[in-house]
Amino acid sequence: MQNNTITSCKGFLAAGLDCGIKASGKKDIAIICCPTSAKAAAVFTTNKIVSAAVAICKQHAKSASIEAVVVNSGNANACTGAKGLADAKKMCELAAAQIDCKTSQVLIASTGIIGQKLPMSKITSGIKAVAKQLASNPKAGTDFAEAIMTTDTKPKQAIRKINISGRKIAIAGTTKGAGMIGPNMATTLCFITTDVAITKPLLKSVLKDAISDSLNKLTVDGHQSTNDTAIILASGLAGNRPITSKCPRYKKFAKAMAELCGDLAKQMALDAEGATKMFTVIVKGAASKAEATKAARAVANYDLVKCAIHGNDPNWGRIICAVGSCGVKLNPAKLSCSIGNVVVFKNGGPVKFNAPKVSKIIAQKQHTITISLGAGKAEDFCYGCDLSREYVTINADYHT
């Protein structure tokens, strides 16, 4: 059986099971372990309100080597004060005791409902139980991916394999996230493993760049979580000549990382809360990349655009309205818009187009909206998804 999970990389074990945090009985506690230790890098939410897990993980991520990541779902452990911090630290201590490493060598992430204390008796027994199930097979990797889910309907996993220094390198990742996702840092929980040999600073550089152009380009509802965390672990067991500079080998690894994270971001968009399809907004002709980014996000976040896409409506007016109201520089006389390969608005005015044809383009699982601002040469993009009745239902029923 082919292994396309985080355990496909040399040196990694994983496990996930149900310890009773979720009333549904679904998996809710998980561990990744690298017994030989790994270099690690992480990026976190920029929300000023952060979970206890984020606070502790930021400290531990500074360690020279990491041996495990412990994750719980169903409870965010956010806005829980000193008790929450103590509980997050205790989770790391419990995991460390099971795999025989230092507490500071364990990273942590939590996701779920905000403002509730962790059920530590359940988590204590859960960590002990899940540590006993650590394995390197595909099922172990998928169990981990399932255990980190909340309102996701399916696990998101991806893998890339490349050759560096004559050695086979694997990169594998899994994410969770279906709602409360806005493009600002990691926008989700994301865990990536790799067996490449690379320095810690360069590993962080690769992660930051890959997240910036993938998961950080995704918006579901424009709302940023208190718990967003992306972690990469590198075991170094592939046997390649260590990457110590931004040489061609670094660039090859970085390219594969970007592709992996892009794959995961698209999987998230297609499994967003209530979503039936995703779209990419490309903004060209902007005065600066920052302005292109701002305009692309404005369109992807615009509720009326998202509703029109849900209804397969080629409503270019809502797209133009979103761009015009977001505060970026534009030339009204040169402003243009295409849906798929069909021009629907050009040089500041509507053009005749085949509406049924464009409706079919929008009805696809994925399509692209391209906008030219006529104000410069910069460009950027953003991923979005449609807004359905189901999104409202899910979030109305998601009680605290």
Foldseek 3Di string as FASTA:
>chain_A
DDAQFQLPAPQKWKAWAFLDLDPVRWTFKMKIFRLLWWQKAKWFFPPPFAALLVVLQVQLNPDRTATMEIEGEAEQNTPVPPQSNVLNLVLLVLLCVLSVDDSSRYHYFYYHDPDDHGPSVSSSVRSNVGSVVIDSDNVRRLNRQRNREDLFPGKFKGKDWDDAQNFIKIKIKTWYDADQAAQGMQRTEMEMEIAAAEHNVLVNVLVRVLSVAANSQEDEARGGDNTRMHMYTYNNRRPHDYHYDCDPRSVVVSVRSNVRRNSRRLVNQCRHQPFPAKEKEKEWAFPAQVLQSQLQSQQQNQQVNLQCLVVLFPCVVSSVVSNVPRDGDADLQAKWKDKAPHTQQGRNGGDDDDGVVSSVQSNDRYIYMYIYRNHHGHMGMHMHTHDDPRNVVVVVPSDD
